[in-house]
Amino acid sequence: MSNANFVPLGTTLEVRNHCLCLHLQQAARAVARRFDEALRPFGLTSGQFSLLMSLNRAEPPTMGTVAAFLAMDRTTLTANLKPLARRCLVEITSDAADRRARRLRLTPAGHAALLAALPAWRRQHAAIDRLLPDEGDGLRAQLRALA
């Protein structure tokens, strides 16, 4: 078999050392693991915490609005909502003006879960910020620009 059919090792090293997508994925997984561990005593994952927090609004948002905010497709959002709805943390209702649209609302239990988990989230956030003392705000701004 010809060497032309293989990716050169140098290319693998180039990707390992320079691929922004790879480095962001690695960092995202590491940060998510830290938050998952901090939120585990409250029965939440980092993704569930973010989803619940995104519903903490004056008016119940639509699924499309939440999906866009969380940068996920509606199918993934639906799958992530199911365990939260089973635990009665989230209520999914039809929109009064458009019965095809769904609105998402935190239940009192959902608000209580957020309130209980918030101190652990803040502690973990502070610990991560200490790892990036002069770069945290800049990093957040750069990540928002990419999103």
C-alpha atoms as a PDB file:
ATOM      1  CA  MET A   1       0.000   0.000   0.000  1.00  0.00           C
ATOM      2  CA  SER A   2       1.330   3.429  -0.922  1.00  0.00           C
ATOM      3  CA  ASN A   3       2.248   6.029   1.705  1.00  0.00           C
ATOM      4  CA  ALA A   4       0.013   8.414  -0.244  1.00  0.00           C
ATOM      5  CA  ASN A   5      -2.944   6.649   1.418  1.00  0.00           C
ATOM      6  CA  PHE A   6      -1.878   7.649   4.933  1.00  0.00           C
ATOM      7  CA  VAL A   7      -1.945  10.949   6.772  1.00  0.00           C
ATOM      8  CA  PRO A   8       1.652  11.855   7.607  1.00  0.00           C
ATOM      9  CA  LEU A   9       2.614  11.892  11.297  1.00  0.00           C
ATOM     10  CA  GLY A  10       3.642  15.525  10.867  1.00  0.00           C
ATOM     11  CA  THR A  11       0.052  16.385  10.013  1.00  0.00           C
ATOM     12  CA  THR A  12      -1.168  14.626  13.152  1.00  0.00           C
ATOM     13  CA  LEU A  13       1.265  16.695  15.217  1.00  0.00           C
ATOM     14  CA  GLU A  14       0.173  19.863  13.410  1.00  0.00           C
ATOM     15  CA  VAL A  15      -3.465  19.177  14.313  1.00  0.00           C
ATOM     16  CA  ARG A  16      -2.561  18.210  17.892  1.00  0.00           C
ATOM     17  CA  ASN A  17      -0.602  21.421  18.393  1.00  0.00           C
ATOM     18  CA  HIS A  18      -2.708  23.947  16.472  1.00  0.00           C
ATOM     19  CA  CYS A  19      -6.317  22.775  16.142  1.00  0.00           C
ATOM     20  CA  LEU A  20      -8.472  25.302  17.929  1.00  0.00           C
ATOM     21  CA  CYS A  21     -11.471  22.968  17.775  1.00  0.00           C
ATOM     22  CA  LEU A  22      -9.534  20.166  19.498  1.00  0.00           C
ATOM     23  CA  HIS A  23      -8.235  22.478  22.232  1.00  0.00           C
ATOM     24  CA  LEU A  24     -11.688  23.951  22.834  1.00  0.00           C
ATOM     25  CA  GLN A  25     -13.207  20.450  23.050  1.00  0.00           C
ATOM     26  CA  GLN A  26     -10.558  19.333  25.531  1.00  0.00           C
ATOM     27  CA  ALA A  27     -11.029  22.443  27.668  1.00  0.00           C
ATOM     28  CA  ALA A  28     -14.825  22.206  27.499  1.00  0.00           C
ATOM     29  CA  ARG A  29     -14.764  18.591  28.647  1.00  0.00           C
ATOM     30  CA  ALA A  30     -12.364  19.357  31.503  1.00  0.00           C
ATOM     31  CA  VAL A  31     -14.442  22.323  32.693  1.00  0.00           C
ATOM     32  CA  ALA A  32     -17.695  20.356  32.360  1.00  0.00           C
ATOM     33  CA  ARG A  33     -16.225  17.515  34.462  1.00  0.00           C
ATOM     34  CA  ARG A  34     -15.354  20.000  37.215  1.00  0.00           C
ATOM     35  CA  PHE A  35     -18.850  21.468  37.226  1.00  0.00           C
ATOM     36  CA  ASP A  36     -20.464  18.023  36.948  1.00  0.00           C
ATOM     37  CA  GLU A  37     -18.602  16.970  40.086  1.00  0.00           C
ATOM     38  CA  ALA A  38     -19.589  20.159  41.944  1.00  0.00           C
ATOM     39  CA  LEU A  39     -23.256  19.814  40.945  1.00  0.00           C
ATOM     40  CA  ARG A  40     -23.561  16.034  41.486  1.00  0.00           C
ATOM     41  CA  PRO A  41     -24.753  16.400  45.129  1.00  0.00           C
ATOM     42  CA  PHE A  42     -27.728  18.350  43.772  1.00  0.00           C
ATOM     43  CA  GLY A  43     -28.599  15.708  41.191  1.00  0.00           C
ATOM     44  CA  LEU A  44     -27.624  17.953  38.282  1.00  0.00           C
ATOM     45  CA  THR A  45     -25.054  17.917  35.531  1.00  0.00           C
ATOM     46  CA  SER A  46     -23.415  21.072  34.261  1.00  0.00           C
ATOM     47  CA  GLY A  47     -25.581  20.896  31.148  1.00  0.00           C
ATOM     48  CA  GLN A  48     -28.764  20.542  33.179  1.00  0.00           C
ATOM     49  CA  PHE A  49     -27.749  23.471  35.384  1.00  0.00           C
ATOM     50  CA  SER A  50     -27.177  25.641  32.286  1.00  0.00           C
ATOM     51  CA  LEU A  51     -30.478  24.538  30.785  1.00  0.00           C
ATOM     52  CA  LEU A  52     -32.414  25.255  33.976  1.00  0.00           C
ATOM     53  CA  MET A  53     -30.699  28.626  34.346  1.00  0.00           C
ATOM     54  CA  SER A  54     -31.614  29.502  30.742  1.00  0.00           C
ATOM     55  CA  LEU A  55     -35.277  29.068  31.712  1.00  0.00           C
ATOM     56  CA  ASN A  56     -35.046  31.494  34.621  1.00  0.00           C
ATOM     57  CA  ARG A  57     -36.887  34.315  32.850  1.00  0.00           C
ATOM     58  CA  ALA A  58     -39.903  36.503  33.487  1.00  0.00           C
ATOM     59  CA  GLU A  59     -41.807  34.849  30.623  1.00  0.00           C
ATOM     60  CA  PRO A  60     -41.497  31.177  29.625  1.00  0.00           C
ATOM     61  CA  PRO A  61     -39.308  31.015  26.504  1.00  0.00           C
ATOM     62  CA  THR A  62     -40.020  28.892  23.456  1.00  0.00           C
ATOM     63  CA  MET A  63     -38.009  25.781  22.716  1.00  0.00           C
ATOM     64  CA  GLY A  64     -36.513  27.518  19.679  1.00  0.00           C
ATOM     65  CA  THR A  65     -35.304  30.449  21.756  1.00  0.00           C
ATOM     66  CA  VAL A  66     -33.679  28.179  24.335  1.00  0.00           C
ATOM     67  CA  ALA A  67     -32.133  25.932  21.696  1.00  0.00           C
ATOM     68  CA  ALA A  68     -30.589  28.963  19.987  1.00  0.00           C
ATOM     69  CA  PHE A  69     -29.301  30.381  23.276  1.00  0.00           C
ATOM     70  CA  LEU A  70     -27.689  27.057  24.236  1.00  0.00           C
ATOM     71  CA  ALA A  71     -26.385  26.501  20.678  1.00  0.00           C
ATOM     72  CA  MET A  72     -28.083  23.118  20.342  1.00  0.00           C
ATOM     73  CA  ASP A  73     -30.649  21.727  17.961  1.00  0.00           C
ATOM     74  CA  ARG A  74     -34.249  21.231  19.078  1.00  0.00           C
ATOM     75  CA  THR A  75     -33.930  17.437  19.070  1.00  0.00           C
ATOM     76  CA  THR A  76     -31.026  17.597  21.526  1.00  0.00           C
ATOM     77  CA  LEU A  77     -32.900  20.118  23.647  1.00  0.00           C
ATOM     78  CA  THR A  78     -35.945  17.829  23.741  1.00  0.00           C
ATOM     79  CA  ALA A  79     -33.782  14.906  24.860  1.00  0.00           C
ATOM     80  CA  ASN A  80     -32.180  17.048  27.569  1.00  0.00           C
ATOM     81  CA  LEU A  81     -35.540  18.303  28.808  1.00  0.00           C
ATOM     82  CA  LYS A  82     -37.071  14.855  29.315  1.00  0.00           C
ATOM     83  CA  PRO A  83     -35.240  13.923  32.549  1.00  0.00           C
ATOM     84  CA  LEU A  84     -35.821  17.405  33.948  1.00  0.00           C
ATOM     85  CA  ALA A  85     -39.538  17.191  33.146  1.00  0.00           C
ATOM     86  CA  ARG A  86     -39.733  13.696  34.713  1.00  0.00           C
ATOM     87  CA  ARG A  87     -38.224  15.179  37.885  1.00  0.00           C
ATOM     88  CA  CYS A  88     -40.827  17.985  37.728  1.00  0.00           C
ATOM     89  CA  LEU A  89     -38.116  20.654  37.453  1.00  0.00           C
ATOM     90  CA  VAL A  90     -39.435  21.896  34.102  1.00  0.00           C
ATOM     91  CA  GLU A  91     -42.915  22.197  32.663  1.00  0.00           C
ATOM     92  CA  ILE A  92     -43.454  22.043  28.893  1.00  0.00           C
ATOM     93  CA  THR A  93     -46.690  23.597  27.652  1.00  0.00           C
ATOM     94  CA  SER A  94     -48.236  24.630  24.360  1.00  0.00           C
ATOM     95  CA  ASP A  95     -47.987  28.272  23.427  1.00  0.00           C
ATOM     96  CA  ALA A  96     -51.354  30.027  23.796  1.00  0.00           C
ATOM     97  CA  ALA A  97     -51.000  31.845  20.460  1.00  0.00           C
ATOM     98  CA  ASP A  98     -49.465  28.969  18.465  1.00  0.00           C
ATOM     99  CA  ARG A  99     -50.419  25.499  19.701  1.00  0.00           C
ATOM    100  CA  ARG A 100     -47.518  23.975  17.690  1.00  0.00           C
ATOM    101  CA  ALA A 101     -44.938  25.944  19.673  1.00  0.00           C
ATOM    102  CA  ARG A 102     -43.809  24.779  23.112  1.00  0.00           C
ATOM    103  CA  ARG A 103     -43.014  27.004  26.075  1.00  0.00           C
ATOM    104  CA  LEU A 104     -40.634  25.986  28.847  1.00  0.00           C
ATOM    105  CA  ARG A 105     -41.108  27.006  32.457  1.00  0.00           C
ATOM    106  CA  LEU A 106     -39.180  26.311  35.607  1.00  0.00           C
ATOM    107  CA  THR A 107     -41.386  24.752  38.249  1.00  0.00           C
ATOM    108  CA  PRO A 108     -41.037  25.667  41.922  1.00  0.00           C
ATOM    109  CA  ALA A 109     -38.892  22.522  42.275  1.00  0.00           C
ATOM    110  CA  GLY A 110     -36.734  23.738  39.376  1.00  0.00           C
ATOM    111  CA  HIS A 111     -36.217  27.095  41.072  1.00  0.00           C
ATOM    112  CA  ALA A 112     -35.357  25.293  44.320  1.00  0.00           C
ATOM    113  CA  ALA A 113     -32.820  23.070  42.516  1.00  0.00           C
ATOM    114  CA  LEU A 114     -31.114  26.129  41.020  1.00  0.00           C
ATOM    115  CA  LEU A 115     -31.034  27.934  44.359  1.00  0.00           C
ATOM    116  CA  ALA A 116     -29.568  24.886  46.097  1.00  0.00           C
ATOM    117  CA  ALA A 117     -26.896  24.316  43.414  1.00  0.00           C
ATOM    118  CA  LEU A 118     -25.922  27.958  42.919  1.00  0.00           C
ATOM    119  CA  PRO A 119     -23.417  28.189  45.814  1.00  0.00           C
ATOM    120  CA  ALA A 120     -21.565  25.099  44.506  1.00  0.00           C
ATOM    121  CA  TRP A 121     -21.555  26.580  41.001  1.00  0.00           C
ATOM    122  CA  ARG A 122     -20.132  29.848  42.368  1.00  0.00           C
ATOM    123  CA  ARG A 123     -17.407  28.007  44.335  1.00  0.00           C
ATOM    124  CA  GLN A 124     -16.372  25.987  41.292  1.00  0.00           C
ATOM    125  CA  HIS A 125     -16.452  29.070  39.111  1.00  0.00           C
ATOM    126  CA  ALA A 126     -14.201  30.928  41.552  1.00  0.00           C
ATOM    127  CA  ALA A 127     -11.779  27.982  41.597  1.00  0.00           C
ATOM    128  CA  ILE A 128     -11.536  28.017  37.807  1.00  0.00           C
ATOM    129  CA  ASP A 129     -11.168  31.793  37.733  1.00  0.00           C
ATOM    130  CA  ARG A 130      -8.211  31.432  40.125  1.00  0.00           C
ATOM    131  CA  LEU A 131      -6.541  29.227  37.500  1.00  0.00           C
ATOM    132  CA  LEU A 132      -6.930  32.077  34.978  1.00  0.00           C
ATOM    133  CA  PRO A 133      -6.375  35.149  37.187  1.00  0.00           C
ATOM    134  CA  ASP A 134      -5.657  37.663  34.441  1.00  0.00           C
ATOM    135  CA  GLU A 135      -7.332  35.908  31.539  1.00  0.00           C
ATOM    136  CA  GLY A 136     -10.819  34.835  32.626  1.00  0.00           C
ATOM    137  CA  ASP A 137     -12.730  37.893  31.435  1.00  0.00           C
ATOM    138  CA  GLY A 138     -10.781  38.065  28.191  1.00  0.00           C
ATOM    139  CA  LEU A 139     -11.321  34.375  27.560  1.00  0.00           C
ATOM    140  CA  ARG A 140     -15.071  34.726  28.143  1.00  0.00           C
ATOM    141  CA  ALA A 141     -15.187  37.634  25.683  1.00  0.00           C
ATOM    142  CA  GLN A 142     -13.257  35.667  23.089  1.00  0.00           C
ATOM    143  CA  LEU A 143     -15.495  32.616  23.498  1.00  0.00           C
ATOM    144  CA  ARG A 144     -18.615  34.792  23.143  1.00  0.00           C
ATOM    145  CA  ALA A 145     -17.133  36.218  19.936  1.00  0.00           C
ATOM    146  CA  LEU A 146     -16.650  32.705  18.562  1.00  0.00           C
ATOM    147  CA  ALA A 147     -20.193  31.694  19.502  1.00  0.00           C
END
